[in-house]
PDB file of N, CA and C in Angstrom:
ATOM      1  N   MET A   1      55.174 -26.964  27.927  1.00  0.00           N
ATOM      2  CA  MET A   1      54.976 -27.234  26.525  1.00  0.00           C
ATOM      3  C   MET A   1      53.787 -26.437  26.031  1.00  0.00           C
ATOM      4  N   THR A   2      53.795 -26.132  24.768  1.00  0.00           N
ATOM      5  CA  THR A   2      52.716 -25.365  24.165  1.00  0.00           C
ATOM      6  C   THR A   2      51.725 -26.305  23.487  1.00  0.00           C
ATOM      7  N   VAL A   3      50.440 -26.116  23.786  1.00  0.00           N
ATOM      8  CA  VAL A   3      49.372 -26.842  23.102  1.00  0.00           C
ATOM      9  C   VAL A   3      48.938 -25.952  21.947  1.00  0.00           C
ATOM     10  N   ALA A   4      49.138 -26.451  20.740  1.00  0.00           N
ATOM     11  CA  ALA A   4      48.941 -25.639  19.529  1.00  0.00           C
ATOM     12  C   ALA A   4      47.494 -25.684  19.058  1.00  0.00           C
ATOM     13  N   VAL A   5      46.608 -24.998  19.759  1.00  0.00           N
ATOM     14  CA  VAL A   5      45.221 -24.870  19.327  1.00  0.00           C
ATOM     15  C   VAL A   5      45.165 -23.700  18.347  1.00  0.00           C
ATOM     16  N   PRO A   6      44.665 -23.907  17.130  1.00  0.00           N
ATOM     17  CA  PRO A   6      44.631 -22.822  16.152  1.00  0.00           C
ATOM     18  C   PRO A   6      43.930 -21.581  16.708  1.00  0.00           C
ATOM     19  N   GLY A   7      44.620 -20.465  16.659  1.00  0.00           N
ATOM     20  CA  GLY A   7      44.064 -19.208  17.120  1.00  0.00           C
ATOM     21  C   GLY A   7      44.157 -18.964  18.615  1.00  0.00           C
ATOM     22  N   HIS A   8      44.506 -19.994  19.387  1.00  0.00           N
ATOM     23  CA  HIS A   8      44.586 -19.805  20.841  1.00  0.00           C
ATOM     24  C   HIS A   8      45.510 -20.843  21.482  1.00  0.00           C
ATOM     25  N   PRO A   9      46.799 -20.815  21.122  1.00  0.00           N
ATOM     26  CA  PRO A   9      47.723 -21.755  21.767  1.00  0.00           C
ATOM     27  C   PRO A   9      47.849 -21.419  23.255  1.00  0.00           C
ATOM     28  N   TYR A  10      48.126 -22.433  24.063  1.00  0.00           N
ATOM     29  CA  TYR A  10      48.298 -22.194  25.495  1.00  0.00           C
ATOM     30  C   TYR A  10      49.379 -23.106  26.049  1.00  0.00           C
ATOM     31  N   GLU A  11      49.902 -22.706  27.194  1.00  0.00           N
ATOM     32  CA  GLU A  11      50.993 -23.428  27.835  1.00  0.00           C
ATOM     33  C   GLU A  11      50.457 -24.430  28.853  1.00  0.00           C
ATOM     34  N   VAL A  12      51.100 -25.585  28.916  1.00  0.00           N
ATOM     35  CA  VAL A  12      50.818 -26.606  29.926  1.00  0.00           C
ATOM     36  C   VAL A  12      52.147 -26.963  30.571  1.00  0.00           C
ATOM     37  N   THR A  13      52.161 -26.973  31.890  1.00  0.00           N
ATOM     38  CA  THR A  13      53.378 -27.329  32.617  1.00  0.00           C
ATOM     39  C   THR A  13      53.187 -28.701  33.221  1.00  0.00           C
ATOM     40  N   ILE A  14      54.122 -29.610  32.949  1.00  0.00           N
ATOM     41  CA  ILE A  14      54.050 -30.965  33.480  1.00  0.00           C
ATOM     42  C   ILE A  14      55.371 -31.306  34.150  1.00  0.00           C
ATOM     43  N   GLY A  15      55.302 -32.212  35.108  1.00  0.00           N
ATOM     44  CA  GLY A  15      56.527 -32.653  35.757  1.00  0.00           C
ATOM     45  C   GLY A  15      56.245 -33.223  37.128  1.00  0.00           C
ATOM     46  N   PRO A  16      57.195 -33.969  37.663  1.00  0.00           N
ATOM     47  CA  PRO A  16      57.007 -34.556  38.994  1.00  0.00           C
ATOM     48  C   PRO A  16      56.995 -33.461  40.063  1.00  0.00           C
ATOM     49  N   GLY A  17      56.076 -33.588  41.015  1.00  0.00           N
ATOM     50  CA  GLY A  17      56.000 -32.647  42.121  1.00  0.00           C
ATOM     51  C   GLY A  17      55.507 -31.267  41.747  1.00  0.00           C
ATOM     52  N   ILE A  18      54.907 -31.114  40.591  1.00  0.00           N
ATOM     53  CA  ILE A  18      54.519 -29.798  40.085  1.00  0.00           C
ATOM     54  C   ILE A  18      53.453 -29.131  40.945  1.00  0.00           C
ATOM     55  N   ILE A  19      52.615 -29.896  41.601  1.00  0.00           N
ATOM     56  CA  ILE A  19      51.544 -29.293  42.401  1.00  0.00           C
ATOM     57  C   ILE A  19      52.123 -28.504  43.567  1.00  0.00           C
ATOM     58  N   GLY A  20      53.249 -28.945  44.096  1.00  0.00           N
ATOM     59  CA  GLY A  20      53.883 -28.223  45.184  1.00  0.00           C
ATOM     60  C   GLY A  20      54.332 -26.829  44.797  1.00  0.00           C
ATOM     61  N   SER A  21      54.546 -26.591  43.514  1.00  0.00           N
ATOM     62  CA  SER A  21      54.947 -25.264  43.041  1.00  0.00           C
ATOM     63  C   SER A  21      53.914 -24.692  42.059  1.00  0.00           C
ATOM     64  N   ALA A  22      52.682 -25.124  42.201  1.00  0.00           N
ATOM     65  CA  ALA A  22      51.625 -24.707  41.267  1.00  0.00           C
ATOM     66  C   ALA A  22      51.462 -23.202  41.200  1.00  0.00           C
ATOM     67  N   ASN A  23      51.666 -22.519  42.309  1.00  0.00           N
ATOM     68  CA  ASN A  23      51.503 -21.067  42.329  1.00  0.00           C
ATOM     69  C   ASN A  23      52.396 -20.388  41.295  1.00  0.00           C
ATOM     70  N   GLU A  24      53.556 -20.963  41.030  1.00  0.00           N
ATOM     71  CA  GLU A  24      54.489 -20.384  40.065  1.00  0.00           C
ATOM     72  C   GLU A  24      54.033 -20.587  38.621  1.00  0.00           C
ATOM     73  N   HIS A  25      53.113 -21.515  38.402  1.00  0.00           N
ATOM     74  CA  HIS A  25      52.739 -21.894  37.041  1.00  0.00           C
ATOM     75  C   HIS A  25      51.315 -21.502  36.658  1.00  0.00           C
ATOM     76  N   LEU A  26      50.552 -21.006  37.616  1.00  0.00           N
ATOM     77  CA  LEU A  26      49.178 -20.615  37.297  1.00  0.00           C
ATOM     78  C   LEU A  26      49.186 -19.349  36.447  1.00  0.00           C
ATOM     79  N   PRO A  27      48.297 -19.254  35.476  1.00  0.00           N
ATOM     80  CA  PRO A  27      48.270 -18.053  34.625  1.00  0.00           C
ATOM     81  C   PRO A  27      47.708 -16.850  35.380  1.00  0.00           C
ATOM     82  N   ASP A  28      48.042 -15.664  34.906  1.00  0.00           N
ATOM     83  CA  ASP A  28      47.420 -14.456  35.431  1.00  0.00           C
ATOM     84  C   ASP A  28      46.001 -14.387  34.892  1.00  0.00           C
ATOM     85  N   LEU A  29      45.069 -14.096  35.778  1.00  0.00           N
ATOM     86  CA  LEU A  29      43.664 -14.020  35.384  1.00  0.00           C
ATOM     87  C   LEU A  29      43.073 -12.709  35.900  1.00  0.00           C
ATOM     88  N   PRO A  30      43.374 -11.588  35.226  1.00  0.00           N
ATOM     89  CA  PRO A  30      42.904 -10.287  35.690  1.00  0.00           C
ATOM     90  C   PRO A  30      41.381 -10.259  35.858  1.00  0.00           C
ATOM     91  N   GLY A  31      40.933  -9.782  37.000  1.00  0.00           N
ATOM     92  CA  GLY A  31      39.502  -9.667  37.257  1.00  0.00           C
ATOM     93  C   GLY A  31      38.842 -10.927  37.781  1.00  0.00           C
ATOM     94  N   ALA A  32      39.533 -12.052  37.733  1.00  0.00           N
ATOM     95  CA  ALA A  32      38.943 -13.305  38.210  1.00  0.00           C
ATOM     96  C   ALA A  32      38.911 -13.318  39.729  1.00  0.00           C
ATOM     97  N   THR A  33      37.883 -13.947  40.284  1.00  0.00           N
ATOM     98  CA  THR A  33      37.765 -14.085  41.726  1.00  0.00           C
ATOM     99  C   THR A  33      37.720 -15.534  42.175  1.00  0.00           C
ATOM    100  N   THR A  34      37.437 -16.443  41.238  1.00  0.00           N
ATOM    101  CA  THR A  34      37.251 -17.848  41.573  1.00  0.00           C
ATOM    102  C   THR A  34      37.916 -18.728  40.534  1.00  0.00           C
ATOM    103  N   ALA A  35      38.532 -19.815  40.999  1.00  0.00           N
ATOM    104  CA  ALA A  35      39.085 -20.835  40.102  1.00  0.00           C
ATOM    105  C   ALA A  35      38.365 -22.142  40.400  1.00  0.00           C
ATOM    106  N   PHE A  36      37.904 -22.802  39.365  1.00  0.00           N
ATOM    107  CA  PHE A  36      37.220 -24.075  39.519  1.00  0.00           C
ATOM    108  C   PHE A  36      38.188 -25.198  39.186  1.00  0.00           C
ATOM    109  N   VAL A  37      38.252 -26.184  40.052  1.00  0.00           N
ATOM    110  CA  VAL A  37      39.117 -27.343  39.858  1.00  0.00           C
ATOM    111  C   VAL A  37      38.211 -28.541  39.598  1.00  0.00           C
ATOM    112  N   VAL A  38      38.378 -29.178  38.445  1.00  0.00           N
ATOM    113  CA  VAL A  38      37.572 -30.332  38.071  1.00  0.00           C
ATOM    114  C   VAL A  38      38.413 -31.578  38.286  1.00  0.00           C
ATOM    115  N   SER A  39      37.894 -32.500  39.094  1.00  0.00           N
ATOM    116  CA  SER A  39      38.664 -33.690  39.442  1.00  0.00           C
ATOM    117  C   SER A  39      37.732 -34.804  39.896  1.00  0.00           C
ATOM    118  N   ASP A  40      38.233 -36.030  39.850  1.00  0.00           N
ATOM    119  CA  ASP A  40      37.493 -37.112  40.500  1.00  0.00           C
ATOM    120  C   ASP A  40      37.948 -37.205  41.959  1.00  0.00           C
ATOM    121  N   ARG A  41      37.248 -37.969  42.755  1.00  0.00           N
ATOM    122  CA  ARG A  41      37.516 -38.052  44.194  1.00  0.00           C
ATOM    123  C   ARG A  41      38.925 -38.579  44.481  1.00  0.00           C
ATOM    124  N   ALA A  42      39.363 -39.614  43.773  1.00  0.00           N
ATOM    125  CA  ALA A  42      40.675 -40.210  44.054  1.00  0.00           C
ATOM    126  C   ALA A  42      41.799 -39.198  43.852  1.00  0.00           C
ATOM    127  N   VAL A  43      41.743 -38.451  42.768  1.00  0.00           N
ATOM    128  CA  VAL A  43      42.781 -37.462  42.484  1.00  0.00           C
ATOM    129  C   VAL A  43      42.672 -36.289  43.452  1.00  0.00           C
ATOM    130  N   SER A  44      41.453 -35.849  43.735  1.00  0.00           N
ATOM    131  CA  SER A  44      41.300 -34.698  44.630  1.00  0.00           C
ATOM    132  C   SER A  44      41.761 -35.031  46.047  1.00  0.00           C
ATOM    133  N   ASP A  45      41.530 -36.259  46.490  1.00  0.00           N
ATOM    134  CA  ASP A  45      42.003 -36.654  47.827  1.00  0.00           C
ATOM    135  C   ASP A  45      43.516 -36.538  47.936  1.00  0.00           C
ATOM    136  N   LEU A  46      44.217 -36.783  46.852  1.00  0.00           N
ATOM    137  CA  LEU A  46      45.680 -36.728  46.854  1.00  0.00           C
ATOM    138  C   LEU A  46      46.235 -35.326  46.620  1.00  0.00           C
ATOM    139  N   HIS A  47      45.565 -34.532  45.789  1.00  0.00           N
ATOM    140  CA  HIS A  47      46.204 -33.320  45.289  1.00  0.00           C
ATOM    141  C   HIS A  47      45.442 -32.012  45.478  1.00  0.00           C
ATOM    142  N   HIS A  48      44.190 -32.059  45.865  1.00  0.00           N
ATOM    143  CA  HIS A  48      43.415 -30.818  45.887  1.00  0.00           C
ATOM    144  C   HIS A  48      43.911 -29.811  46.919  1.00  0.00           C
ATOM    145  N   GLU A  49      44.254 -30.236  48.103  1.00  0.00           N
ATOM    146  CA  GLU A  49      44.638 -29.278  49.142  1.00  0.00           C
ATOM    147  C   GLU A  49      45.824 -28.396  48.734  1.00  0.00           C
ATOM    148  N   PRO A  50      46.946 -28.986  48.264  1.00  0.00           N
ATOM    149  CA  PRO A  50      48.044 -28.094  47.864  1.00  0.00           C
ATOM    150  C   PRO A  50      47.698 -27.223  46.649  1.00  0.00           C
ATOM    151  N   LEU A  51      46.896 -27.729  45.741  1.00  0.00           N
ATOM    152  CA  LEU A  51      46.485 -26.925  44.590  1.00  0.00           C
ATOM    153  C   LEU A  51      45.569 -25.791  45.033  1.00  0.00           C
ATOM    154  N   ALA A  52      44.632 -26.079  45.915  1.00  0.00           N
ATOM    155  CA  ALA A  52      43.740 -25.039  46.438  1.00  0.00           C
ATOM    156  C   ALA A  52      44.545 -23.964  47.167  1.00  0.00           C
ATOM    157  N   ASN A  53      45.557 -24.370  47.926  1.00  0.00           N
ATOM    158  CA  ASN A  53      46.407 -23.400  48.613  1.00  0.00           C
ATOM    159  C   ASN A  53      47.112 -22.486  47.618  1.00  0.00           C
ATOM    160  N   ALA A  54      47.627 -23.062  46.529  1.00  0.00           N
ATOM    161  CA  ALA A  54      48.306 -22.263  45.505  1.00  0.00           C
ATOM    162  C   ALA A  54      47.338 -21.291  44.847  1.00  0.00           C
ATOM    163  N   ILE A  55      46.134 -21.742  44.577  1.00  0.00           N
ATOM    164  CA  ILE A  55      45.113 -20.884  43.965  1.00  0.00           C
ATOM    165  C   ILE A  55      44.773 -19.728  44.902  1.00  0.00           C
ATOM    166  N   GLU A  56      44.611 -20.058  46.181  1.00  0.00           N
ATOM    167  CA  GLU A  56      44.255 -19.026  47.159  1.00  0.00           C
ATOM    168  C   GLU A  56      45.407 -18.039  47.373  1.00  0.00           C
ATOM    169  N   GLU A  57      46.662 -18.496  47.225  1.00  0.00           N
ATOM    170  CA  GLU A  57      47.806 -17.586  47.302  1.00  0.00           C
ATOM    171  C   GLU A  57      47.770 -16.549  46.181  1.00  0.00           C
ATOM    172  N   ARG A  58      47.113 -16.877  45.089  1.00  0.00           N
ATOM    173  CA  ARG A  58      46.962 -15.942  43.958  1.00  0.00           C
ATOM    174  C   ARG A  58      45.764 -15.029  44.146  1.00  0.00           C
ATOM    175  N   GLY A  59      45.079 -15.138  45.313  1.00  0.00           N
ATOM    176  CA  GLY A  59      43.950 -14.267  45.608  1.00  0.00           C
ATOM    177  C   GLY A  59      42.627 -14.737  45.039  1.00  0.00           C
ATOM    178  N   LEU A  60      42.550 -16.009  44.673  1.00  0.00           N
ATOM    179  CA  LEU A  60      41.318 -16.565  44.117  1.00  0.00           C
ATOM    180  C   LEU A  60      40.696 -17.560  45.084  1.00  0.00           C
ATOM    181  N   ALA A  61      39.382 -17.643  45.082  1.00  0.00           N
ATOM    182  CA  ALA A  61      38.698 -18.709  45.806  1.00  0.00           C
ATOM    183  C   ALA A  61      38.826 -19.983  44.969  1.00  0.00           C
ATOM    184  N   SER A  62      38.981 -21.109  45.630  1.00  0.00           N
ATOM    185  CA  SER A  62      39.086 -22.395  44.937  1.00  0.00           C
ATOM    186  C   SER A  62      37.810 -23.192  45.179  1.00  0.00           C
ATOM    187  N   VAL A  63      37.172 -23.622  44.087  1.00  0.00           N
ATOM    188  CA  VAL A  63      35.953 -24.418  44.184  1.00  0.00           C
ATOM    189  C   VAL A  63      36.203 -25.748  43.487  1.00  0.00           C
ATOM    190  N   LEU A  64      36.029 -26.828  44.223  1.00  0.00           N
ATOM    191  CA  LEU A  64      36.231 -28.174  43.681  1.00  0.00           C
ATOM    192  C   LEU A  64      34.930 -28.692  43.085  1.00  0.00           C
ATOM    193  N   LEU A  65      34.970 -29.104  41.834  1.00  0.00           N
ATOM    194  CA  LEU A  65      33.844 -29.739  41.167  1.00  0.00           C
ATOM    195  C   LEU A  65      34.221 -31.187  40.925  1.00  0.00           C
ATOM    196  N   LEU A  66      33.545 -32.095  41.623  1.00  0.00           N
ATOM    197  CA  LEU A  66      33.865 -33.518  41.487  1.00  0.00           C
ATOM    198  C   LEU A  66      33.109 -34.132  40.324  1.00  0.00           C
ATOM    199  N   VAL A  67      33.804 -34.983  39.588  1.00  0.00           N
ATOM    200  CA  VAL A  67      33.214 -35.754  38.494  1.00  0.00           C
ATOM    201  C   VAL A  67      33.445 -37.229  38.793  1.00  0.00           C
ATOM    202  N   PRO A  68      32.647 -38.097  38.203  1.00  0.00           N
ATOM    203  CA  PRO A  68      32.866 -39.532  38.409  1.00  0.00           C
ATOM    204  C   PRO A  68      34.213 -39.966  37.840  1.00  0.00           C
ATOM    205  N   SER A  69      34.762 -41.009  38.407  1.00  0.00           N
ATOM    206  CA  SER A  69      36.003 -41.577  37.875  1.00  0.00           C
ATOM    207  C   SER A  69      35.715 -42.312  36.577  1.00  0.00           C
ATOM    208  N   GLY A  70      36.703 -42.347  35.712  1.00  0.00           N
ATOM    209  CA  GLY A  70      36.595 -43.147  34.501  1.00  0.00           C
ATOM    210  C   GLY A  70      35.915 -42.444  33.350  1.00  0.00           C
ATOM    211  N   GLU A  71      35.587 -43.222  32.376  1.00  0.00           N
ATOM    212  CA  GLU A  71      35.083 -42.706  31.111  1.00  0.00           C
ATOM    213  C   GLU A  71      33.698 -42.096  31.199  1.00  0.00           C
ATOM    214  N   GLU A  72      32.893 -42.471  32.202  1.00  0.00           N
ATOM    215  CA  GLU A  72      31.531 -41.940  32.272  1.00  0.00           C
ATOM    216  C   GLU A  72      31.516 -40.420  32.461  1.00  0.00           C
ATOM    217  N   ALA A  73      32.577 -39.874  33.013  1.00  0.00           N
ATOM    218  CA  ALA A  73      32.643 -38.424  33.200  1.00  0.00           C
ATOM    219  C   ALA A  73      32.886 -37.712  31.877  1.00  0.00           C
ATOM    220  N   LYS A  74      33.388 -38.427  30.901  1.00  0.00           N
ATOM    221  CA  LYS A  74      33.715 -37.832  29.598  1.00  0.00           C
ATOM    222  C   LYS A  74      32.539 -38.028  28.646  1.00  0.00           C
ATOM    223  N   SER A  75      31.443 -37.370  28.961  1.00  0.00           N
ATOM    224  CA  SER A  75      30.224 -37.532  28.173  1.00  0.00           C
ATOM    225  C   SER A  75      29.488 -36.198  28.132  1.00  0.00           C
ATOM    226  N   LEU A  76      28.473 -36.118  27.289  1.00  0.00           N
ATOM    227  CA  LEU A  76      27.663 -34.910  27.241  1.00  0.00           C
ATOM    228  C   LEU A  76      26.946 -34.693  28.569  1.00  0.00           C
ATOM    229  N   LYS A  77      26.512 -35.779  29.201  1.00  0.00           N
ATOM    230  CA  LYS A  77      25.852 -35.665  30.504  1.00  0.00           C
ATOM    231  C   LYS A  77      26.827 -35.105  31.539  1.00  0.00           C
ATOM    232  N   GLY A  78      28.068 -35.572  31.523  1.00  0.00           N
ATOM    233  CA  GLY A  78      29.082 -35.056  32.440  1.00  0.00           C
ATOM    234  C   GLY A  78      29.361 -33.591  32.189  1.00  0.00           C
ATOM    235  N   CYS A  79      29.441 -33.223  30.924  1.00  0.00           N
ATOM    236  CA  CYS A  79      29.660 -31.819  30.553  1.00  0.00           C
ATOM    237  C   CYS A  79      28.483 -30.964  30.998  1.00  0.00           C
ATOM    238  N   GLU A  80      27.283 -31.456  30.791  1.00  0.00           N
ATOM    239  CA  GLU A  80      26.076 -30.727  31.203  1.00  0.00           C
ATOM    240  C   GLU A  80      26.091 -30.487  32.715  1.00  0.00           C
ATOM    241  N   SER A  81      26.490 -31.471  33.472  1.00  0.00           N
ATOM    242  CA  SER A  81      26.548 -31.338  34.920  1.00  0.00           C
ATOM    243  C   SER A  81      27.546 -30.256  35.328  1.00  0.00           C
ATOM    244  N   LEU A  82      28.725 -30.258  34.699  1.00  0.00           N
ATOM    245  CA  LEU A  82      29.724 -29.225  34.995  1.00  0.00           C
ATOM    246  C   LEU A  82      29.202 -27.834  34.631  1.00  0.00           C
ATOM    247  N   LEU A  83      28.594 -27.699  33.470  1.00  0.00           N
ATOM    248  CA  LEU A  83      28.063 -26.403  33.058  1.00  0.00           C
ATOM    249  C   LEU A  83      26.976 -25.913  34.002  1.00  0.00           C
ATOM    250  N   PHE A  84      26.160 -26.827  34.507  1.00  0.00           N
ATOM    251  CA  PHE A  84      25.111 -26.466  35.465  1.00  0.00           C
ATOM    252  C   PHE A  84      25.756 -25.873  36.722  1.00  0.00           C
ATOM    253  N   HIS A  85      26.807 -26.522  37.233  1.00  0.00           N
ATOM    254  CA  HIS A  85      27.471 -26.036  38.442  1.00  0.00           C
ATOM    255  C   HIS A  85      28.204 -24.713  38.195  1.00  0.00           C
ATOM    256  N   LEU A  86      28.763 -24.554  37.024  1.00  0.00           N
ATOM    257  CA  LEU A  86      29.462 -23.306  36.706  1.00  0.00           C
ATOM    258  C   LEU A  86      28.481 -22.137  36.548  1.00  0.00           C
ATOM    259  N   ALA A  87      27.290 -22.429  36.064  1.00  0.00           N
ATOM    260  CA  ALA A  87      26.284 -21.373  35.863  1.00  0.00           C
ATOM    261  C   ALA A  87      25.769 -20.908  37.213  1.00  0.00           C
TER     262      ALA A  87
END
């Protein structure tokens, strides 16, 4: 499905078992060397390994950035923490 952001629409693929075929759905990122995956521990324990494998099949390093579960991660402090790690 297309997310209609004015000036920069983008595609999102959803569906059951999609992580197993993630390599087919990842965008081309010319010049990129690293992909950052943002997740909480519960989700990463279930899904990070196959997603990291798909990312690495595309020739990118996969770096997991863990955030707290729940609403506390959706804050300016949470965003600041992610930006610090990305910098």
